[in-house]
Structures are given as structure tokens and as C-alpha cells.
Amino acid sequence: MPPSFDSNPLNKSLVDSLKAKNQDASAVFVLTSYSAVQVMVDAMKATGGTDTDAMQAMMRTTTFNTPTGQLQFNDKGDLTDFEFVVYNFHADGSKTLAK
């Protein structure tokens, strides 16, 4: 699973905004999905449209600052680096990093 990006102080305003809308920023894929959409929007703005070839070329040469950290893509379009972690989930709904 991805780490808990909602606990990163850099994401406080985004997390607070989601909470104000009764949305759970701690859900597993909320901030990763937000980051994916942010990358697409940034690519569309940078290329002036939705030309997928132009967007792909731009994405392969750009570092994106997102709620999940800095994202870069290789020539195949895969992330060059992304952290995954393993959690232990507890009966009270909390989770801790597995060791």
C-alpha cells in the first residue's frame, strides 16, 4: 500500500479541505488519485490541450510536486520511484507499520 500521505504536514490544507467536505483523506487511494489527476491537469496546462503524445513527452521530462511527493515518469510512462509500505490493521481501526 502507499504510505499515509494524509499525515504529511505539507498536505494539511488539502486534508483539511477534504475533511470539510466530509471526505476521508486517510483512505488508501485518495491522495494518490488526487496526485494522478494533478499530473494530468498539469500536463494539459503545460501542453495547451489534450494531445496525448505531447502530454506523454512532457510527463517524461518533468518532475511533478504532488501530495504524494515528487513524481517522475520513465520512457515507458511508469513512475521512476514510489514507496510502498505494509501495515498491520487493528480491531480499533488504527494501523501501524509492519516491521
PDB file of N, CA and C in Angstrom:
ATOM      1  N   MET A   1       0.848  -1.176   0.000  1.00  0.00           N
ATOM      2  CA  MET A   1       0.000   0.000   0.000  1.00  0.00           C
ATOM      3  C   MET A   1       0.891   1.234   0.000  1.00  0.00           C
ATOM      4  N   PRO A   2       0.361   2.344  -0.457  1.00  0.00           N
ATOM      5  CA  PRO A   2       1.130   3.582  -0.335  1.00  0.00           C
ATOM      6  C   PRO A   2       1.151   4.032   1.124  1.00  0.00           C
ATOM      7  N   PRO A   3       2.153   4.838   1.493  1.00  0.00           N
ATOM      8  CA  PRO A   3       2.177   5.358   2.864  1.00  0.00           C
ATOM      9  C   PRO A   3       0.977   6.268   3.128  1.00  0.00           C
ATOM     10  N   SER A   4       0.819   6.669   4.374  1.00  0.00           N
ATOM     11  CA  SER A   4      -0.284   7.559   4.766  1.00  0.00           C
ATOM     12  C   SER A   4       0.104   9.009   4.493  1.00  0.00           C
ATOM     13  N   PHE A   5      -0.186   9.481   3.316  1.00  0.00           N
ATOM     14  CA  PHE A   5       0.193  10.836   2.928  1.00  0.00           C
ATOM     15  C   PHE A   5      -0.613  11.898   3.665  1.00  0.00           C
ATOM     16  N   ASP A   6      -1.734  11.520   4.266  1.00  0.00           N
ATOM     17  CA  ASP A   6      -2.561  12.492   4.981  1.00  0.00           C
ATOM     18  C   ASP A   6      -1.881  13.006   6.243  1.00  0.00           C
ATOM     19  N   SER A   7      -0.868  12.300   6.757  1.00  0.00           N
ATOM     20  CA  SER A   7      -0.172  12.744   7.962  1.00  0.00           C
ATOM     21  C   SER A   7       1.007  13.667   7.644  1.00  0.00           C
ATOM     22  N   ASN A   8       1.289  13.892   6.366  1.00  0.00           N
ATOM     23  CA  ASN A   8       2.372  14.785   5.960  1.00  0.00           C
ATOM     24  C   ASN A   8       1.924  16.229   6.182  1.00  0.00           C
ATOM     25  N   PRO A   9       2.677  17.007   6.977  1.00  0.00           N
ATOM     26  CA  PRO A   9       2.284  18.400   7.238  1.00  0.00           C
ATOM     27  C   PRO A   9       2.126  19.242   5.969  1.00  0.00           C
ATOM     28  N   LEU A  10       2.824  18.887   4.897  1.00  0.00           N
ATOM     29  CA  LEU A  10       2.697  19.630   3.643  1.00  0.00           C
ATOM     30  C   LEU A  10       1.307  19.483   3.030  1.00  0.00           C
ATOM     31  N   ASN A  11       0.569  18.455   3.442  1.00  0.00           N
ATOM     32  CA  ASN A  11      -0.766  18.195   2.889  1.00  0.00           C
ATOM     33  C   ASN A  11      -1.892  18.697   3.789  1.00  0.00           C
ATOM     34  N   LYS A  12      -1.542  19.428   4.847  1.00  0.00           N
ATOM     35  CA  LYS A  12      -2.542  19.830   5.835  1.00  0.00           C
ATOM     36  C   LYS A  12      -3.724  20.583   5.217  1.00  0.00           C
ATOM     37  N   SER A  13      -3.459  21.561   4.369  1.00  0.00           N
ATOM     38  CA  SER A  13      -4.579  22.344   3.816  1.00  0.00           C
ATOM     39  C   SER A  13      -5.468  21.477   2.925  1.00  0.00           C
ATOM     40  N   LEU A  14      -4.879  20.574   2.153  1.00  0.00           N
ATOM     41  CA  LEU A  14      -5.669  19.665   1.316  1.00  0.00           C
ATOM     42  C   LEU A  14      -6.482  18.709   2.188  1.00  0.00           C
ATOM     43  N   VAL A  15      -5.852  18.151   3.211  1.00  0.00           N
ATOM     44  CA  VAL A  15      -6.549  17.233   4.120  1.00  0.00           C
ATOM     45  C   VAL A  15      -7.693  17.961   4.818  1.00  0.00           C
ATOM     46  N   ASP A  16      -7.432  19.179   5.298  1.00  0.00           N
ATOM     47  CA  ASP A  16      -8.486  19.962   5.955  1.00  0.00           C
ATOM     48  C   ASP A  16      -9.636  20.251   4.993  1.00  0.00           C
ATOM     49  N   SER A  17      -9.313  20.541   3.739  1.00  0.00           N
ATOM     50  CA  SER A  17     -10.343  20.807   2.729  1.00  0.00           C
ATOM     51  C   SER A  17     -11.207  19.570   2.487  1.00  0.00           C
ATOM     52  N   LEU A  18     -10.573  18.417   2.408  1.00  0.00           N
ATOM     53  CA  LEU A  18     -11.327  17.171   2.216  1.00  0.00           C
ATOM     54  C   LEU A  18     -12.207  16.874   3.426  1.00  0.00           C
ATOM     55  N   LYS A  19     -11.651  17.061   4.620  1.00  0.00           N
ATOM     56  CA  LYS A  19     -12.427  16.819   5.843  1.00  0.00           C
ATOM     57  C   LYS A  19     -13.637  17.740   5.915  1.00  0.00           C
ATOM     58  N   ALA A  20     -13.475  18.987   5.476  1.00  0.00           N
ATOM     59  CA  ALA A  20     -14.580  19.952   5.496  1.00  0.00           C
ATOM     60  C   ALA A  20     -15.726  19.508   4.594  1.00  0.00           C
ATOM     61  N   LYS A  21     -15.412  18.662   3.618  1.00  0.00           N
ATOM     62  CA  LYS A  21     -16.425  18.122   2.705  1.00  0.00           C
ATOM     63  C   LYS A  21     -16.852  16.713   3.120  1.00  0.00           C
ATOM     64  N   ASN A  22     -16.522  16.344   4.360  1.00  0.00           N
ATOM     65  CA  ASN A  22     -16.827  15.016   4.903  1.00  0.00           C
ATOM     66  C   ASN A  22     -16.216  13.889   4.078  1.00  0.00           C
ATOM     67  N   GLN A  23     -15.036  14.148   3.530  1.00  0.00           N
ATOM     68  CA  GLN A  23     -14.305  13.128   2.781  1.00  0.00           C
ATOM     69  C   GLN A  23     -13.120  12.659   3.615  1.00  0.00           C
ATOM     70  N   ASP A  24     -12.792  11.398   3.508  1.00  0.00           N
ATOM     71  CA  ASP A  24     -11.742  10.793   4.319  1.00  0.00           C
ATOM     72  C   ASP A  24     -10.406  10.833   3.579  1.00  0.00           C
ATOM     73  N   ALA A  25      -9.561  11.776   3.946  1.00  0.00           N
ATOM     74  CA  ALA A  25      -8.251  11.912   3.302  1.00  0.00           C
ATOM     75  C   ALA A  25      -7.321  10.760   3.646  1.00  0.00           C
ATOM     76  N   SER A  26      -7.650   9.994   4.678  1.00  0.00           N
ATOM     77  CA  SER A  26      -6.783   8.883   5.081  1.00  0.00           C
ATOM     78  C   SER A  26      -7.077   7.598   4.305  1.00  0.00           C
ATOM     79  N   ALA A  27      -8.138   7.579   3.521  1.00  0.00           N
ATOM     80  CA  ALA A  27      -8.443   6.382   2.734  1.00  0.00           C
ATOM     81  C   ALA A  27      -7.272   6.090   1.795  1.00  0.00           C
ATOM     82  N   VAL A  28      -7.044   4.828   1.553  1.00  0.00           N
ATOM     83  CA  VAL A  28      -5.814   4.362   0.911  1.00  0.00           C
ATOM     84  C   VAL A  28      -5.452   5.099  -0.369  1.00  0.00           C
ATOM     85  N   PHE A  29      -6.385   5.282  -1.279  1.00  0.00           N
ATOM     86  CA  PHE A  29      -6.012   5.820  -2.582  1.00  0.00           C
ATOM     87  C   PHE A  29      -6.506   7.244  -2.848  1.00  0.00           C
ATOM     88  N   VAL A  30      -6.949   7.952  -1.812  1.00  0.00           N
ATOM     89  CA  VAL A  30      -7.468   9.307  -2.015  1.00  0.00           C
ATOM     90  C   VAL A  30      -6.374  10.248  -2.518  1.00  0.00           C
ATOM     91  N   LEU A  31      -5.274  10.347  -1.793  1.00  0.00           N
ATOM     92  CA  LEU A  31      -4.245  11.306  -2.190  1.00  0.00           C
ATOM     93  C   LEU A  31      -3.417  10.816  -3.374  1.00  0.00           C
ATOM     94  N   THR A  32      -3.318   9.509  -3.571  1.00  0.00           N
ATOM     95  CA  THR A  32      -2.635   9.025  -4.776  1.00  0.00           C
ATOM     96  C   THR A  32      -3.476   9.349  -6.013  1.00  0.00           C
ATOM     97  N   SER A  33      -4.785   9.212  -5.898  1.00  0.00           N
ATOM     98  CA  SER A  33      -5.672   9.566  -7.015  1.00  0.00           C
ATOM     99  C   SER A  33      -5.639  11.064  -7.273  1.00  0.00           C
ATOM    100  N   TYR A  34      -5.641  11.842  -6.212  1.00  0.00           N
ATOM    101  CA  TYR A  34      -5.547  13.298  -6.343  1.00  0.00           C
ATOM    102  C   TYR A  34      -4.272  13.662  -7.100  1.00  0.00           C
ATOM    103  N   SER A  35      -3.162  13.012  -6.736  1.00  0.00           N
ATOM    104  CA  SER A  35      -1.882  13.278  -7.400  1.00  0.00           C
ATOM    105  C   SER A  35      -1.925  12.910  -8.876  1.00  0.00           C
ATOM    106  N   ALA A  36      -2.556  11.794  -9.198  1.00  0.00           N
ATOM    107  CA  ALA A  36      -2.660  11.367 -10.603  1.00  0.00           C
ATOM    108  C   ALA A  36      -3.430  12.392 -11.424  1.00  0.00           C
ATOM    109  N   VAL A  37      -4.530  12.880 -10.879  1.00  0.00           N
ATOM    110  CA  VAL A  37      -5.317  13.896 -11.587  1.00  0.00           C
ATOM    111  C   VAL A  37      -4.516  15.192 -11.702  1.00  0.00           C
ATOM    112  N   GLN A  38      -3.800  15.547 -10.644  1.00  0.00           N
ATOM    113  CA  GLN A  38      -2.977  16.751 -10.684  1.00  0.00           C
ATOM    114  C   GLN A  38      -1.943  16.667 -11.804  1.00  0.00           C
ATOM    115  N   VAL A  39      -1.291  15.514 -11.963  1.00  0.00           N
ATOM    116  CA  VAL A  39      -0.303  15.335 -13.033  1.00  0.00           C
ATOM    117  C   VAL A  39      -0.961  15.530 -14.401  1.00  0.00           C
ATOM    118  N   MET A  40      -2.134  14.948 -14.588  1.00  0.00           N
ATOM    119  CA  MET A  40      -2.840  15.088 -15.871  1.00  0.00           C
ATOM    120  C   MET A  40      -3.199  16.549 -16.150  1.00  0.00           C
ATOM    121  N   VAL A  41      -3.707  17.244 -15.145  1.00  0.00           N
ATOM    122  CA  VAL A  41      -4.074  18.654 -15.313  1.00  0.00           C
ATOM    123  C   VAL A  41      -2.832  19.490 -15.614  1.00  0.00           C
ATOM    124  N   ASP A  42      -1.749  19.243 -14.872  1.00  0.00           N
ATOM    125  CA  ASP A  42      -0.506  19.980 -15.127  1.00  0.00           C
ATOM    126  C   ASP A  42      -0.009  19.735 -16.551  1.00  0.00           C
ATOM    127  N   ALA A  43      -0.095  18.494 -17.016  1.00  0.00           N
ATOM    128  CA  ALA A  43       0.346  18.162 -18.378  1.00  0.00           C
ATOM    129  C   ALA A  43      -0.537  18.845 -19.425  1.00  0.00           C
ATOM    130  N   MET A  44      -1.850  18.876 -19.191  1.00  0.00           N
ATOM    131  CA  MET A  44      -2.751  19.556 -20.128  1.00  0.00           C
ATOM    132  C   MET A  44      -2.462  21.052 -20.180  1.00  0.00           C
ATOM    133  N   LYS A  45      -2.234  21.657 -19.015  1.00  0.00           N
ATOM    134  CA  LYS A  45      -1.925  23.090 -18.978  1.00  0.00           C
ATOM    135  C   LYS A  45      -0.604  23.375 -19.684  1.00  0.00           C
ATOM    136  N   ALA A  46       0.399  22.547 -19.427  1.00  0.00           N
ATOM    137  CA  ALA A  46       1.729  22.779 -19.998  1.00  0.00           C
ATOM    138  C   ALA A  46       1.755  22.606 -21.512  1.00  0.00           C
ATOM    139  N   THR A  47       0.920  21.707 -22.021  1.00  0.00           N
ATOM    140  CA  THR A  47       0.918  21.437 -23.465  1.00  0.00           C
ATOM    141  C   THR A  47      -0.193  22.175 -24.199  1.00  0.00           C
ATOM    142  N   GLY A  48      -1.057  22.827 -23.453  1.00  0.00           N
ATOM    143  CA  GLY A  48      -2.122  23.608 -24.073  1.00  0.00           C
ATOM    144  C   GLY A  48      -3.272  22.792 -24.620  1.00  0.00           C
ATOM    145  N   GLY A  49      -3.457  21.588 -24.111  1.00  0.00           N
ATOM    146  CA  GLY A  49      -4.577  20.789 -24.602  1.00  0.00           C
ATOM    147  C   GLY A  49      -4.504  19.351 -24.149  1.00  0.00           C
ATOM    148  N   THR A  50      -5.117  18.479 -24.939  1.00  0.00           N
ATOM    149  CA  THR A  50      -5.204  17.064 -24.570  1.00  0.00           C
ATOM    150  C   THR A  50      -4.509  16.153 -25.583  1.00  0.00           C
ATOM    151  N   ASP A  51      -3.565  16.693 -26.329  1.00  0.00           N
ATOM    152  CA  ASP A  51      -2.796  15.874 -27.267  1.00  0.00           C
ATOM    153  C   ASP A  51      -1.963  14.888 -26.447  1.00  0.00           C
ATOM    154  N   THR A  52      -2.311  13.613 -26.514  1.00  0.00           N
ATOM    155  CA  THR A  52      -1.673  12.621 -25.645  1.00  0.00           C
ATOM    156  C   THR A  52      -0.185  12.456 -25.926  1.00  0.00           C
ATOM    157  N   ASP A  53       0.237  12.582 -27.179  1.00  0.00           N
ATOM    158  CA  ASP A  53       1.670  12.479 -27.482  1.00  0.00           C
ATOM    159  C   ASP A  53       2.442  13.615 -26.822  1.00  0.00           C
ATOM    160  N   ALA A  54       1.921  14.823 -26.915  1.00  0.00           N
ATOM    161  CA  ALA A  54       2.571  15.979 -26.291  1.00  0.00           C
ATOM    162  C   ALA A  54       2.576  15.844 -24.774  1.00  0.00           C
ATOM    163  N   MET A  55       1.452  15.384 -24.225  1.00  0.00           N
ATOM    164  CA  MET A  55       1.374  15.214 -22.776  1.00  0.00           C
ATOM    165  C   MET A  55       2.363  14.155 -22.300  1.00  0.00           C
ATOM    166  N   GLN A  56       2.450  13.042 -23.009  1.00  0.00           N
ATOM    167  CA  GLN A  56       3.378  11.982 -22.621  1.00  0.00           C
ATOM    168  C   GLN A  56       4.819  12.472 -22.672  1.00  0.00           C
ATOM    169  N   ALA A  57       5.174  13.189 -23.727  1.00  0.00           N
ATOM    170  CA  ALA A  57       6.534  13.714 -23.846  1.00  0.00           C
ATOM    171  C   ALA A  57       6.845  14.663 -22.691  1.00  0.00           C
ATOM    172  N   MET A  58       5.891  15.513 -22.361  1.00  0.00           N
ATOM    173  CA  MET A  58       6.076  16.452 -21.261  1.00  0.00           C
ATOM    174  C   MET A  58       6.221  15.714 -19.936  1.00  0.00           C
ATOM    175  N   MET A  59       5.381  14.704 -19.721  1.00  0.00           N
ATOM    176  CA  MET A  59       5.405  13.968 -18.457  1.00  0.00           C
ATOM    177  C   MET A  59       6.719  13.213 -18.256  1.00  0.00           C
ATOM    178  N   ARG A  60       7.348  12.789 -19.337  1.00  0.00           N
ATOM    179  CA  ARG A  60       8.607  12.040 -19.227  1.00  0.00           C
ATOM    180  C   ARG A  60       9.800  12.932 -18.897  1.00  0.00           C
ATOM    181  N   THR A  61       9.631  14.235 -19.009  1.00  0.00           N
ATOM    182  CA  THR A  61      10.748  15.156 -18.776  1.00  0.00           C
ATOM    183  C   THR A  61      10.481  16.129 -17.634  1.00  0.00           C
ATOM    184  N   THR A  62       9.453  15.873 -16.863  1.00  0.00           N
ATOM    185  CA  THR A  62       9.043  16.805 -15.817  1.00  0.00           C
ATOM    186  C   THR A  62       8.961  16.103 -14.473  1.00  0.00           C
ATOM    187  N   THR A  63       9.341  16.820 -13.429  1.00  0.00           N
ATOM    188  CA  THR A  63       9.126  16.359 -12.062  1.00  0.00           C
ATOM    189  C   THR A  63       7.905  17.095 -11.531  1.00  0.00           C
ATOM    190  N   PHE A  64       6.935  16.349 -11.042  1.00  0.00           N
ATOM    191  CA  PHE A  64       5.685  16.915 -10.541  1.00  0.00           C
ATOM    192  C   PHE A  64       5.701  16.913  -9.012  1.00  0.00           C
ATOM    193  N   ASN A  65       5.412  18.060  -8.419  1.00  0.00           N
ATOM    194  CA  ASN A  65       5.283  18.145  -6.968  1.00  0.00           C
ATOM    195  C   ASN A  65       3.825  17.900  -6.614  1.00  0.00           C
ATOM    196  N   THR A  66       3.566  16.799  -5.931  1.00  0.00           N
ATOM    197  CA  THR A  66       2.198  16.376  -5.635  1.00  0.00           C
ATOM    198  C   THR A  66       2.055  16.065  -4.149  1.00  0.00           C
ATOM    199  N   PRO A  67       0.838  15.835  -3.673  1.00  0.00           N
ATOM    200  CA  PRO A  67       0.648  15.434  -2.280  1.00  0.00           C
ATOM    201  C   PRO A  67       1.352  14.118  -1.919  1.00  0.00           C
ATOM    202  N   THR A  68       1.698  13.328  -2.911  1.00  0.00           N
ATOM    203  CA  THR A  68       2.398  12.066  -2.640  1.00  0.00           C
ATOM    204  C   THR A  68       3.899  12.199  -2.853  1.00  0.00           C
ATOM    205  N   GLY A  69       4.375  13.422  -3.016  1.00  0.00           N
ATOM    206  CA  GLY A  69       5.796  13.673  -3.207  1.00  0.00           C
ATOM    207  C   GLY A  69       6.106  14.030  -4.646  1.00  0.00           C
ATOM    208  N   GLN A  70       7.385  14.063  -4.953  1.00  0.00           N
ATOM    209  CA  GLN A  70       7.807  14.369  -6.314  1.00  0.00           C
ATOM    210  C   GLN A  70       7.654  13.124  -7.172  1.00  0.00           C
ATOM    211  N   LEU A  71       6.953  13.277  -8.288  1.00  0.00           N
ATOM    212  CA  LEU A  71       6.729  12.156  -9.197  1.00  0.00           C
ATOM    213  C   LEU A  71       7.438  12.412 -10.515  1.00  0.00           C
ATOM    214  N   GLN A  72       8.101  11.365 -11.014  1.00  0.00           N
ATOM    215  CA  GLN A  72       8.742  11.389 -12.326  1.00  0.00           C
ATOM    216  C   GLN A  72       8.364  10.109 -13.048  1.00  0.00           C
ATOM    217  N   PHE A  73       8.329  10.184 -14.368  1.00  0.00           N
ATOM    218  CA  PHE A  73       7.952   9.033 -15.185  1.00  0.00           C
ATOM    219  C   PHE A  73       9.086   8.684 -16.138  1.00  0.00           C
ATOM    220  N   ASN A  74       9.267   7.375 -16.398  1.00  0.00           N
ATOM    221  CA  ASN A  74      10.305   6.938 -17.329  1.00  0.00           C
ATOM    222  C   ASN A  74       9.758   6.911 -18.756  1.00  0.00           C
ATOM    223  N   ASP A  75      10.577   6.417 -19.679  1.00  0.00           N
ATOM    224  CA  ASP A  75      10.178   6.386 -21.093  1.00  0.00           C
ATOM    225  C   ASP A  75       8.962   5.508 -21.357  1.00  0.00           C
ATOM    226  N   LYS A  76       8.694   4.550 -20.474  1.00  0.00           N
ATOM    227  CA  LYS A  76       7.525   3.679 -20.629  1.00  0.00           C
ATOM    228  C   LYS A  76       6.280   4.284 -19.980  1.00  0.00           C
ATOM    229  N   GLY A  77       6.460   5.388 -19.254  1.00  0.00           N
ATOM    230  CA  GLY A  77       5.338   6.021 -18.575  1.00  0.00           C
ATOM    231  C   GLY A  77       5.123   5.523 -17.162  1.00  0.00           C
ATOM    232  N   ASP A  78       6.059   4.710 -16.664  1.00  0.00           N
ATOM    233  CA  ASP A  78       5.961   4.206 -15.293  1.00  0.00           C
ATOM    234  C   ASP A  78       6.634   5.184 -14.334  1.00  0.00           C
ATOM    235  N   LEU A  79       6.164   5.198 -13.089  1.00  0.00           N
ATOM    236  CA  LEU A  79       6.830   6.009 -12.074  1.00  0.00           C
ATOM    237  C   LEU A  79       8.257   5.517 -11.899  1.00  0.00           C
ATOM    238  N   THR A  80       9.190   6.455 -11.742  1.00  0.00           N
ATOM    239  CA  THR A  80      10.582   6.052 -11.557  1.00  0.00           C
ATOM    240  C   THR A  80      10.852   5.630 -10.124  1.00  0.00           C
ATOM    241  N   ASP A  81      10.041   6.103  -9.192  1.00  0.00           N
ATOM    242  CA  ASP A  81      10.241   5.756  -7.786  1.00  0.00           C
ATOM    243  C   ASP A  81       8.924   5.973  -7.053  1.00  0.00           C
ATOM    244  N   PHE A  82       8.547   5.011  -6.267  1.00  0.00           N
ATOM    245  CA  PHE A  82       7.347   5.172  -5.455  1.00  0.00           C
ATOM    246  C   PHE A  82       7.448   4.224  -4.274  1.00  0.00           C
ATOM    247  N   GLU A  83       7.165   4.728  -3.105  1.00  0.00           N
ATOM    248  CA  GLU A  83       7.294   3.947  -1.879  1.00  0.00           C
ATOM    249  C   GLU A  83       6.002   3.185  -1.582  1.00  0.00           C
ATOM    250  N   PHE A  84       6.156   1.928  -1.266  1.00  0.00           N
ATOM    251  CA  PHE A  84       5.043   1.117  -0.789  1.00  0.00           C
ATOM    252  C   PHE A  84       5.391   0.610   0.595  1.00  0.00           C
ATOM    253  N   VAL A  85       4.411   0.494   1.446  1.00  0.00           N
ATOM    254  CA  VAL A  85       4.625   0.017   2.809  1.00  0.00           C
ATOM    255  C   VAL A  85       3.601  -1.065   3.135  1.00  0.00           C
ATOM    256  N   VAL A  86       3.866  -1.778   4.218  1.00  0.00           N
ATOM    257  CA  VAL A  86       2.948  -2.805   4.703  1.00  0.00           C
ATOM    258  C   VAL A  86       2.479  -2.378   6.089  1.00  0.00           C
ATOM    259  N   TYR A  87       1.181  -2.438   6.300  1.00  0.00           N
ATOM    260  CA  TYR A  87       0.599  -2.058   7.579  1.00  0.00           C
ATOM    261  C   TYR A  87       0.013  -3.271   8.287  1.00  0.00           C
ATOM    262  N   ASN A  88      -0.020  -3.185   9.611  1.00  0.00           N
ATOM    263  CA  ASN A  88      -0.830  -4.080  10.432  1.00  0.00           C
ATOM    264  C   ASN A  88      -2.089  -3.289  10.783  1.00  0.00           C
ATOM    265  N   PHE A  89      -3.248  -3.855  10.484  1.00  0.00           N
ATOM    266  CA  PHE A  89      -4.514  -3.204  10.813  1.00  0.00           C
ATOM    267  C   PHE A  89      -5.051  -3.806  12.104  1.00  0.00           C
ATOM    268  N   HIS A  90      -5.580  -2.941  12.965  1.00  0.00           N
ATOM    269  CA  HIS A  90      -6.018  -3.356  14.292  1.00  0.00           C
ATOM    270  C   HIS A  90      -7.537  -3.270  14.423  1.00  0.00           C
ATOM    271  N   ALA A  91      -8.071  -3.993  15.395  1.00  0.00           N
ATOM    272  CA  ALA A  91      -9.521  -4.080  15.596  1.00  0.00           C
ATOM    273  C   ALA A  91     -10.156  -2.711  15.844  1.00  0.00           C
ATOM    274  N   ASP A  92      -9.388  -1.775  16.425  1.00  0.00           N
ATOM    275  CA  ASP A  92      -9.947  -0.446  16.704  1.00  0.00           C
ATOM    276  C   ASP A  92      -9.935   0.475  15.481  1.00  0.00           C
ATOM    277  N   GLY A  93      -9.508  -0.053  14.332  1.00  0.00           N
ATOM    278  CA  GLY A  93      -9.484   0.729  13.101  1.00  0.00           C
ATOM    279  C   GLY A  93      -8.164   1.430  12.838  1.00  0.00           C
ATOM    280  N   SER A  94      -7.250   1.372  13.782  1.00  0.00           N
ATOM    281  CA  SER A  94      -5.951   2.012  13.576  1.00  0.00           C
ATOM    282  C   SER A  94      -5.026   1.090  12.782  1.00  0.00           C
ATOM    283  N   LYS A  95      -3.896   1.642  12.378  1.00  0.00           N
ATOM    284  CA  LYS A  95      -2.912   0.842  11.660  1.00  0.00           C
ATOM    285  C   LYS A  95      -1.519   1.274  12.094  1.00  0.00           C
ATOM    286  N   THR A  96      -0.586   0.338  12.019  1.00  0.00           N
ATOM    287  CA  THR A  96       0.812   0.618  12.312  1.00  0.00           C
ATOM    288  C   THR A  96       1.654  -0.013  11.219  1.00  0.00           C
ATOM    289  N   LEU A  97       2.824   0.557  10.998  1.00  0.00           N
ATOM    290  CA  LEU A  97       3.732  -0.015  10.010  1.00  0.00           C
ATOM    291  C   LEU A  97       4.183  -1.391  10.464  1.00  0.00           C
ATOM    292  N   ALA A  98       4.154  -2.342   9.569  1.00  0.00           N
ATOM    293  CA  ALA A  98       4.649  -3.685   9.874  1.00  0.00           C
ATOM    294  C   ALA A  98       6.169  -3.634   9.914  1.00  0.00           C
ATOM    295  N   LYS A  99       6.722  -4.435  10.780  1.00  0.00           N
ATOM    296  CA  LYS A  99       8.193  -4.465  10.904  1.00  0.00           C
ATOM    297  C   LYS A  99       8.740  -5.758  10.385  1.00  0.00           C
TER     298      LYS A  99
END
